[in-house]
């Protein structure tokens, strides 16, 4: 049997958002295509969905850094709360 290197394998599933999955496996492209053909329950969220066995994925772009927050202004005054009127008890 021929050995396959890590370059010849895919991480199943590879999320379209780039998020890590809780449970993932390294599989061959042939296994990937077979799982897609049989509607494997993780394939609908995978980046390899519908791609050929020779397909390679581009690296996931890193999100833009968040803008720095402006210093906090003074806290606004708390709104005034009206007190409830006392109603006399009736017997």
Protein backbone atom coordinates (compact mmCIF):
# COMPACT_ATOMS: atom_id res chain seq x y z
CA UNK A 1 0.00 0.00 0.00
CA UNK A 2 1.10 3.52 -0.65
CA UNK A 3 1.47 5.87 2.29
CA UNK A 4 -0.26 9.23 2.07
CA UNK A 5 1.34 12.33 3.50
CA UNK A 6 -0.42 15.03 5.47
CA UNK A 7 -0.44 17.12 2.28
CA UNK A 8 -2.66 14.48 0.65
CA UNK A 9 -5.26 14.58 3.42
CA UNK A 10 -8.11 16.84 4.37
CA UNK A 11 -9.36 17.88 7.77
CA UNK A 12 -12.96 16.72 8.03
CA UNK A 13 -14.87 18.93 8.46
CA UNK A 14 -13.11 22.12 7.41
CA UNK A 15 -15.64 24.81 8.29
CA UNK A 16 -16.44 27.54 5.78
CA UNK A 17 -16.08 30.12 8.55
CA UNK A 18 -12.67 28.81 9.58
CA UNK A 19 -13.97 27.86 13.02
CA UNK A 20 -12.58 24.72 14.61
CA UNK A 21 -14.87 21.76 14.96
CA UNK A 22 -15.09 19.84 18.20
CA UNK A 23 -14.30 16.49 16.54
CA UNK A 24 -12.28 16.40 13.31
CA UNK A 25 -10.40 13.71 11.41
CA UNK A 26 -7.70 13.67 8.73
CA UNK A 27 -9.16 11.82 5.73
CA UNK A 28 -8.10 11.16 2.14
CA UNK A 29 -9.76 13.03 -0.74
CA UNK A 30 -11.39 9.75 -1.85
CA UNK A 31 -13.02 9.36 1.58
CA UNK A 32 -14.08 13.01 1.43
CA UNK A 33 -15.78 12.53 -1.94
CA UNK A 34 -17.46 9.34 -0.75
CA UNK A 35 -18.82 11.11 2.33
CA UNK A 36 -20.16 13.92 0.14
CA UNK A 37 -21.80 11.40 -2.18
CA UNK A 38 -23.51 9.72 0.77
CA UNK A 39 -24.61 13.08 2.30
CA UNK A 40 -22.42 12.82 5.39
CA UNK A 41 -23.93 14.95 8.15
CA UNK A 42 -20.92 17.31 8.39
CA UNK A 43 -20.45 17.97 4.66
CA UNK A 44 -22.98 20.79 4.38
CA UNK A 45 -20.71 23.10 6.43
CA UNK A 46 -17.41 22.04 4.84
CA UNK A 47 -15.20 24.14 2.57
CA UNK A 48 -14.49 21.07 0.41
CA UNK A 49 -18.19 20.64 -0.43
CA UNK A 50 -18.51 20.08 -4.18
CA UNK A 51 -14.77 20.31 -4.93
CA UNK A 52 -12.74 17.69 -6.79
CA UNK A 53 -10.19 15.36 -5.21
CA UNK A 54 -7.31 17.52 -6.53
CA UNK A 55 -8.72 20.74 -5.06
CA UNK A 56 -6.62 22.72 -2.61
CA UNK A 57 -8.03 25.46 -0.44
CA UNK A 58 -6.60 28.95 -0.25
CA UNK A 59 -5.66 30.06 3.25
CA UNK A 60 -8.47 31.60 5.26
CA UNK A 61 -8.05 35.38 5.36
CA UNK A 62 -7.58 36.77 8.85
CA UNK A 63 -10.28 39.18 9.97
CA UNK A 64 -9.44 42.86 10.13
CA UNK A 65 -8.37 44.05 13.56
CA UNK A 66 -11.03 45.74 15.64
CA UNK A 67 -10.76 49.51 15.91
CA UNK A 68 -9.49 50.83 19.22
CA UNK A 69 -12.14 52.13 21.55
CA UNK A 70 -12.31 55.80 22.36
CA UNK A 71 -11.83 56.66 26.03
CA UNK A 72 -15.07 56.46 27.95
CA UNK A 73 -16.81 59.75 28.56
CA UNK A 74 -18.19 60.70 31.95
CA UNK A 75 -21.04 58.53 33.08
CA UNK A 76 -24.41 60.12 32.47
CA UNK A 77 -26.44 60.98 35.54
CA UNK A 78 -28.77 58.25 36.71
CA UNK A 79 -32.39 58.89 35.74
CA UNK A 80 -34.62 60.07 38.55
CA UNK A 81 -37.05 57.48 39.80
CA UNK A 82 -40.42 58.60 41.05
CA UNK A 83 -41.54 57.22 44.36
CA UNK A 84 -44.85 55.43 44.51
CA UNK A 85 -47.66 57.10 46.33
CA UNK A 86 -48.87 55.30 49.42
CA UNK A 87 -52.46 54.25 49.26
CA UNK A 88 -54.35 53.97 52.52
CA UNK A 89 -55.60 50.49 53.36
CA UNK A 90 -59.33 49.99 53.40
CA UNK A 91 -60.93 47.68 55.88
